[in-house]
Protein backbone atom coordinates (compact mmCIF):
# COMPACT_ATOMS: atom_id res chain seq x y z
CA UNK A 1 208.74 -16.62 84.68
CA UNK A 2 207.96 -14.56 81.31
CA UNK A 3 206.25 -11.66 81.13
CA UNK A 4 202.83 -12.76 79.43
CA UNK A 5 199.64 -11.46 81.18
CA UNK A 6 197.08 -14.70 80.69
CA UNK A 7 198.40 -16.42 84.12
CA UNK A 8 201.10 -18.61 85.10
CA UNK A 9 201.50 -22.08 83.96
CA UNK A 10 204.90 -24.02 84.92
CA UNK A 11 205.85 -27.02 83.16
CA UNK A 12 207.02 -29.55 85.44
CA UNK A 13 208.99 -32.69 84.95
CA UNK A 14 211.60 -35.39 86.67
CA UNK A 15 213.62 -36.69 83.78
CA UNK A 16 217.15 -36.96 83.44
CA UNK A 17 219.77 -37.47 80.92
CA UNK A 18 220.33 -40.90 81.04
CA UNK A 19 218.36 -42.62 78.55
CA UNK A 20 216.50 -41.56 75.44
CA UNK A 21 213.00 -41.83 76.67
CA UNK A 22 214.15 -39.38 79.66
CA UNK A 23 215.56 -37.14 77.21
CA UNK A 24 212.56 -37.27 75.08
CA UNK A 25 210.55 -35.91 78.34
CA UNK A 26 213.08 -32.81 78.57
CA UNK A 27 212.18 -32.04 74.51
CA UNK A 28 208.52 -32.50 75.12
CA UNK A 29 209.01 -30.00 78.42
CA UNK A 30 210.82 -27.24 76.10
CA UNK A 31 208.00 -27.72 73.44
CA UNK A 32 205.01 -27.39 75.97
CA UNK A 33 206.57 -24.25 77.54
CA UNK A 34 207.16 -22.71 74.12
CA UNK A 35 203.60 -23.52 72.74
CA UNK A 36 202.21 -21.82 75.88
CA UNK A 37 204.28 -19.01 75.75
CA UNK A 38 203.19 -18.46 72.32
CA UNK A 39 199.76 -18.81 73.33
CA UNK A 40 200.25 -15.89 75.55
CA UNK A 41 200.81 -17.47 79.10
CA UNK A 42 204.02 -16.78 81.54
CA UNK A 43 205.57 -19.94 81.43
CA UNK A 44 209.01 -21.69 82.57
CA UNK A 45 210.55 -25.44 82.92
CA UNK A 46 210.52 -26.66 86.42
CA UNK A 47 212.68 -29.78 87.03
CA UNK A 48 211.87 -32.23 90.02
CA UNK A 49 214.20 -34.15 92.23
CA UNK A 50 213.46 -36.81 94.59
CA UNK A 51 212.37 -34.50 97.37
CA UNK A 52 209.93 -32.84 95.44
CA UNK A 53 211.26 -29.53 96.81
CA UNK A 54 210.46 -27.61 93.52
CA UNK A 55 206.75 -28.23 94.01
CA UNK A 56 206.26 -26.89 97.35
CA UNK A 57 207.84 -23.22 95.58
CA UNK A 58 204.88 -22.94 93.35
CA UNK A 59 202.02 -22.04 95.47
CA UNK A 60 203.46 -18.63 96.11
CA UNK A 61 203.62 -17.98 92.63
CA UNK A 62 200.07 -18.40 91.97
CA UNK A 63 200.13 -20.76 89.26
CA UNK A 64 197.24 -20.79 87.12
CA UNK A 65 197.32 -24.57 86.55
CA UNK A 66 200.51 -26.66 86.32
CA UNK A 67 201.57 -28.79 83.53
CA UNK A 68 202.37 -32.06 84.50
CA UNK A 69 204.89 -33.98 82.33
CA UNK A 70 206.13 -36.43 84.86
CA UNK A 71 205.73 -40.05 84.15
CA UNK A 72 208.88 -40.84 86.36
CA UNK A 73 211.17 -39.72 88.94
CA UNK A 74 214.90 -40.25 88.60
CA UNK A 75 213.84 -42.84 85.99
CA UNK A 76 211.69 -44.96 88.15
CA UNK A 77 208.05 -44.93 86.70
CA UNK A 78 206.68 -46.45 90.04
CA UNK A 79 207.01 -42.91 91.77
CA UNK A 80 205.08 -40.95 89.18
CA UNK A 81 201.81 -40.72 91.41
CA UNK A 82 203.70 -38.82 94.04
CA UNK A 83 203.25 -35.65 91.64
CA UNK A 84 199.76 -35.59 91.67
CA UNK A 85 199.31 -36.56 95.14
CA UNK A 86 201.66 -33.81 96.20
CA UNK A 87 199.82 -31.21 93.89
CA UNK A 88 196.57 -32.33 95.34
CA UNK A 89 197.95 -31.49 98.91
CA UNK A 90 198.94 -28.12 97.56
CA UNK A 91 195.75 -27.45 96.31
CA UNK A 92 197.24 -26.85 92.94
CA UNK A 93 195.19 -27.65 89.47
CA UNK A 94 197.17 -29.72 87.29
CA UNK A 95 197.20 -31.21 83.99
CA UNK A 96 196.30 -34.79 83.03
CA UNK A 97 195.17 -37.74 85.04
CA UNK A 98 194.49 -37.50 88.78
CA UNK A 99 196.10 -39.41 91.59
CA UNK A 100 193.34 -42.57 91.52
CA UNK A 101 193.90 -43.01 87.99
CA UNK A 102 197.76 -42.91 88.31
CA UNK A 103 197.81 -45.67 90.67
CA UNK A 104 195.00 -47.79 89.04
CA UNK A 105 197.21 -47.77 85.97
CA UNK A 106 200.67 -47.68 87.30
CA UNK A 107 201.23 -51.49 87.25
CA UNK A 108 200.41 -53.35 84.06
CA UNK A 109 199.04 -55.96 85.85
CA UNK A 110 196.94 -53.85 88.03
CA UNK A 111 195.55 -52.44 84.86
CA UNK A 112 194.81 -55.87 83.56
CA UNK A 113 193.02 -56.98 86.43
CA UNK A 114 190.63 -54.05 86.51
CA UNK A 115 189.85 -54.55 82.69
CA UNK A 116 189.17 -58.34 83.12
CA UNK A 117 187.05 -57.50 86.06
CA UNK A 118 185.14 -54.90 84.21
CA UNK A 119 184.81 -57.55 80.97
CA UNK A 120 187.10 -55.74 78.92
CA UNK A 121 189.17 -57.83 76.61
CA UNK A 122 193.02 -58.07 77.43
CA UNK A 123 195.40 -60.71 76.64
CA UNK A 124 195.71 -63.68 79.61
CA UNK A 125 198.88 -63.07 81.55
CA UNK A 126 200.84 -64.72 84.17
CA UNK A 127 202.84 -63.20 87.08
CA UNK A 128 205.29 -65.68 86.85
CA UNK A 129 204.82 -67.19 83.48
CA UNK A 130 203.90 -70.51 84.57
CA UNK A 131 199.93 -70.16 83.82
CA UNK A 132 200.19 -69.64 79.99
CA UNK A 133 200.12 -72.16 77.52
CA UNK A 134 203.78 -73.70 76.87
CA UNK A 135 203.49 -73.88 73.00
CA UNK A 136 201.88 -70.44 72.44
CA UNK A 137 203.50 -67.09 71.88
CA UNK A 138 204.11 -65.07 75.16
CA UNK A 139 205.62 -61.44 75.52
CA UNK A 140 207.61 -60.73 78.57
CA UNK A 141 206.95 -57.04 79.92
CA UNK A 142 208.06 -54.73 82.70
CA UNK A 143 205.34 -54.49 85.22
CA UNK A 144 206.32 -50.59 85.97
CA UNK A 145 207.73 -49.13 83.11
CA UNK A 146 205.47 -47.29 80.35
CA UNK A 147 208.36 -46.40 78.15
CA UNK A 148 209.36 -50.18 76.74
CA UNK A 149 212.37 -50.33 78.63
CA UNK A 150 214.47 -53.26 77.39
CA UNK A 151 211.84 -54.14 74.92
CA UNK A 152 212.87 -55.69 71.97
CA UNK A 153 212.09 -58.76 69.77
CA UNK A 154 213.78 -61.39 72.40
CA UNK A 155 210.91 -60.16 74.71
CA UNK A 156 208.58 -62.57 72.45
CA UNK A 157 208.91 -66.52 73.14
CA UNK A 158 206.98 -69.57 73.97
CA UNK A 159 205.14 -69.86 76.96
CA UNK A 160 207.33 -72.68 78.28
CA UNK A 161 210.53 -70.05 78.15
CA UNK A 162 208.38 -67.30 80.02
CA UNK A 163 209.11 -68.17 83.44
CA UNK A 164 213.08 -68.41 83.04
CA UNK A 165 213.04 -65.23 81.29
CA UNK A 166 211.00 -63.40 83.83
CA UNK A 167 214.00 -64.18 86.77
CA UNK A 168 216.57 -63.04 84.17
CA UNK A 169 214.99 -59.93 83.20
CA UNK A 170 214.02 -58.77 86.71
CA UNK A 171 217.73 -59.43 87.80
CA UNK A 172 218.76 -57.80 84.71
CA UNK A 173 216.47 -54.48 84.59
CA UNK A 174 216.13 -54.50 88.05
CA UNK A 175 212.31 -54.27 88.02
CA UNK A 176 209.41 -56.62 88.15
CA UNK A 177 208.35 -58.42 84.84
CA UNK A 178 205.22 -60.52 83.69
CA UNK A 179 204.05 -62.88 80.85
CA UNK A 180 201.26 -61.91 78.72
CA UNK A 181 199.55 -63.98 75.43
CA UNK A 182 201.40 -62.26 72.42
CA UNK A 183 198.71 -61.16 69.89
CA UNK A 184 199.46 -61.80 66.51
CA UNK A 185 198.14 -58.75 64.19
CA UNK A 186 197.87 -55.24 63.72
CA UNK A 187 198.38 -52.62 66.27
CA UNK A 188 196.65 -49.42 67.26
CA UNK A 189 197.09 -46.39 69.48
CA UNK A 190 193.59 -44.25 70.31
CA UNK A 191 194.27 -40.96 71.47
CA UNK A 192 191.96 -39.47 74.13
CA UNK A 193 191.47 -35.93 74.86
CA UNK A 194 189.05 -34.43 77.55
CA UNK A 195 186.02 -32.58 75.76
CA UNK A 196 183.28 -30.81 77.27
CA UNK A 197 181.02 -33.52 76.51
CA UNK A 198 183.33 -35.97 77.98
CA UNK A 199 186.15 -37.06 75.71
CA UNK A 200 187.08 -37.05 72.35
CA UNK A 201 188.50 -39.61 70.40
CA UNK A 202 190.88 -38.39 68.24
CA UNK A 203 191.99 -40.05 64.42
CA UNK A 204 192.79 -43.77 65.25
CA UNK A 205 196.64 -44.42 64.34
CA UNK A 206 197.89 -47.91 63.17
CA UNK A 207 201.17 -48.79 63.63
CA UNK A 208 202.79 -50.49 60.71
CA UNK A 209 205.43 -53.21 60.46
CA UNK A 210 207.54 -52.62 57.46
CA UNK A 211 210.77 -54.43 56.53
CA UNK A 212 210.70 -57.12 59.47
CA UNK A 213 212.43 -60.36 58.66
CA UNK A 214 209.92 -63.28 58.14
CA UNK A 215 209.47 -64.85 61.63
CA UNK A 216 210.62 -61.63 63.46
CA UNK A 217 208.46 -60.51 66.59
CA UNK A 218 206.27 -57.53 65.16
CA UNK A 219 206.35 -55.28 68.03
CA UNK A 220 206.93 -51.51 69.22
CA UNK A 221 209.94 -51.81 71.35
CA UNK A 222 212.56 -49.54 72.87
CA UNK A 223 214.06 -48.39 69.84
CA UNK A 224 211.11 -48.38 67.62
CA UNK A 225 209.81 -45.58 70.14
CA UNK A 226 213.11 -44.09 71.19
CA UNK A 227 216.01 -44.39 68.47
CA UNK A 228 215.36 -42.43 65.24
CA UNK A 229 218.38 -44.17 63.19
CA UNK A 230 217.10 -47.86 64.18
CA UNK A 231 215.45 -50.16 61.86
CA UNK A 232 212.92 -50.54 64.60
CA UNK A 233 212.30 -46.93 64.51
CA UNK A 234 211.87 -46.32 60.61
CA UNK A 235 210.00 -49.69 60.44
CA UNK A 236 207.25 -48.95 62.28
CA UNK A 237 205.61 -45.64 60.76
CA UNK A 238 202.09 -44.55 61.60
CA UNK A 239 199.07 -44.41 59.52
CA UNK A 240 195.84 -42.80 59.77
CA UNK A 241 192.29 -43.33 58.04
CA UNK A 242 191.20 -46.75 59.63
CA UNK A 243 187.73 -44.59 60.20
CA UNK A 244 187.45 -44.74 56.43
CA UNK A 245 189.03 -48.01 55.61
CA UNK A 246 187.44 -50.13 58.51
CA UNK A 247 184.65 -47.91 60.20
CA UNK A 248 183.17 -51.16 61.92
CA UNK A 249 186.76 -51.87 63.56
CA UNK A 250 187.44 -48.14 64.27
CA UNK A 251 184.46 -47.88 66.08
CA UNK A 252 184.95 -51.04 68.22
CA UNK A 253 188.12 -49.23 69.30
CA UNK A 254 186.82 -46.08 69.92
CA UNK A 255 183.76 -47.73 72.15
CA UNK A 256 186.56 -49.55 73.97
CA UNK A 257 188.72 -46.60 74.53
CA UNK A 258 186.13 -44.67 75.88
CA UNK A 259 185.12 -47.41 78.14
CA UNK A 260 188.71 -47.22 79.62
CA UNK A 261 188.36 -43.54 79.92
CA UNK A 262 185.41 -43.93 82.11
CA UNK A 263 186.35 -47.11 84.22
CA UNK A 264 189.84 -45.30 85.18
CA UNK A 265 188.35 -42.14 85.72
CA UNK A 266 191.06 -40.56 83.37
CA UNK A 267 190.85 -36.70 82.75
CA UNK A 268 192.97 -34.44 80.58
CA UNK A 269 194.64 -36.80 77.94
CA UNK A 270 195.51 -40.31 77.57
CA UNK A 271 196.27 -43.39 75.13
CA UNK A 272 194.80 -46.62 74.73
CA UNK A 273 196.81 -49.32 73.02
CA UNK A 274 195.26 -52.52 71.20
CA UNK A 275 196.23 -55.61 69.45
CA UNK A 276 193.84 -56.76 66.91
CA UNK A 277 194.06 -60.26 65.92
CA UNK A 278 193.47 -61.34 61.99
CA UNK A 279 189.76 -62.46 62.79
CA UNK A 280 189.16 -58.83 64.02
CA UNK A 281 189.03 -59.21 67.85
CA UNK A 282 190.61 -56.40 69.66
CA UNK A 283 192.83 -56.73 73.12
CA UNK A 284 193.53 -53.78 75.18
CA UNK A 285 197.20 -53.82 76.07
CA UNK A 286 197.96 -50.77 78.02
CA UNK A 287 195.95 -47.56 79.25
CA UNK A 288 198.75 -44.77 79.25
CA UNK A 289 198.70 -41.68 81.39
CA UNK A 290 200.64 -38.64 79.94
CA UNK A 291 201.44 -40.08 76.59
CA UNK A 292 204.34 -38.13 75.07
CA UNK A 293 203.81 -34.71 74.03
CA UNK A 294 206.62 -34.02 71.79
CA UNK A 295 205.51 -32.13 68.64
CA UNK A 296 206.37 -35.21 66.56
CA UNK A 297 205.10 -37.83 68.79
CA UNK A 298 201.74 -40.14 68.17
CA UNK A 299 199.42 -37.86 70.36
CA UNK A 300 200.22 -34.45 68.57
CA UNK A 301 199.89 -36.48 65.05
CA UNK A 302 196.74 -37.55 65.99
CA UNK A 303 195.48 -33.98 67.06
CA UNK A 304 196.81 -32.80 63.92
CA UNK A 305 195.09 -35.01 61.86
CA UNK A 306 191.98 -33.92 63.75
CA UNK A 307 192.60 -30.28 62.99
CA UNK A 308 194.16 -29.45 66.14
CA UNK A 309 197.72 -27.76 65.71
CA UNK A 310 200.49 -28.37 68.26
CA UNK A 311 200.07 -24.95 70.39
CA UNK A 312 196.52 -25.22 70.29
CA UNK A 313 196.57 -28.85 71.59
CA UNK A 314 198.86 -28.12 74.40
CA UNK A 315 196.56 -24.71 75.26
CA UNK A 316 193.56 -27.35 75.26
CA UNK A 317 195.28 -29.56 77.51
CA UNK A 318 196.22 -26.63 79.93
CA UNK A 319 192.53 -25.56 79.84
CA UNK A 320 190.71 -28.54 80.70
CA UNK A 321 191.51 -28.36 84.50
CA UNK A 322 190.72 -24.71 84.76
CA UNK A 323 187.12 -25.85 82.75
CA UNK A 324 186.58 -28.58 85.48
CA UNK A 325 187.08 -25.95 88.35
CA UNK A 326 184.58 -23.39 86.90
CA UNK A 327 182.22 -26.10 86.40
CA UNK A 328 182.23 -27.28 89.80
CA UNK A 329 182.27 -23.90 91.25
């Protein structure tokens, strides 16, 4: 633990070194800890195992707040809600989403059910792939993983091919998959940050698809997120400025993102991913708790675009649960 006197903020993660997305979490933990130290906080990085024993050793150290970067435990995204649940039981304040929001967004199917019930636009889907139009394009996704594990152009296919693909991918990746209508069009990420007045919508990023072969599926797959030397990574840069170039669409995306924030009782920070048809109709793909917080990730880029440097962003994320505690007191 450092010697700074503004209070102790441990940075927790449960990542391994087995996959690039897991390694990215390790890099985020070091970057967040460094940013907190620069802002005057005592801090260290606390890795967690399946037994979560490291959490039980935190209360005697009287942390000001726990900076939670866990989005999977031992590579399994289904276990992520254990962390806020245990922190709640220990009576420790922590960053990011609460236990209920984690459970409500953990399953992509569960997320879509809640979106549809609230009347919010999300692509049609089928648990087993049999309910989609056989001729239309579908995309097969993992139900539980939020790091695009196994996602590439081969995930996009006709509805008729989806049922068999689900069976094969379930066996290959040892996790459940489902089929969703594939929305041809533009892709946007909306980063959300807790604010005194509720939630701040940061500048909206559009993901561009450059250098893709004609007819190739335009998706942000695993390599596009985690493999910097891949064609998928270099071919999917982000661009800001839709608020000026298409303010009507920007307002729609911002409004839908705020509705997601309220619907899932999100707090701290989050990201909502959209596809927008050529007609301008937006669809919500996912609501992401704890989006990546490395300095070069999309969330930090959106904050920088809003005039919030990385170290200040990290301090603001850490300060949110403290402000909530003070308001409730």
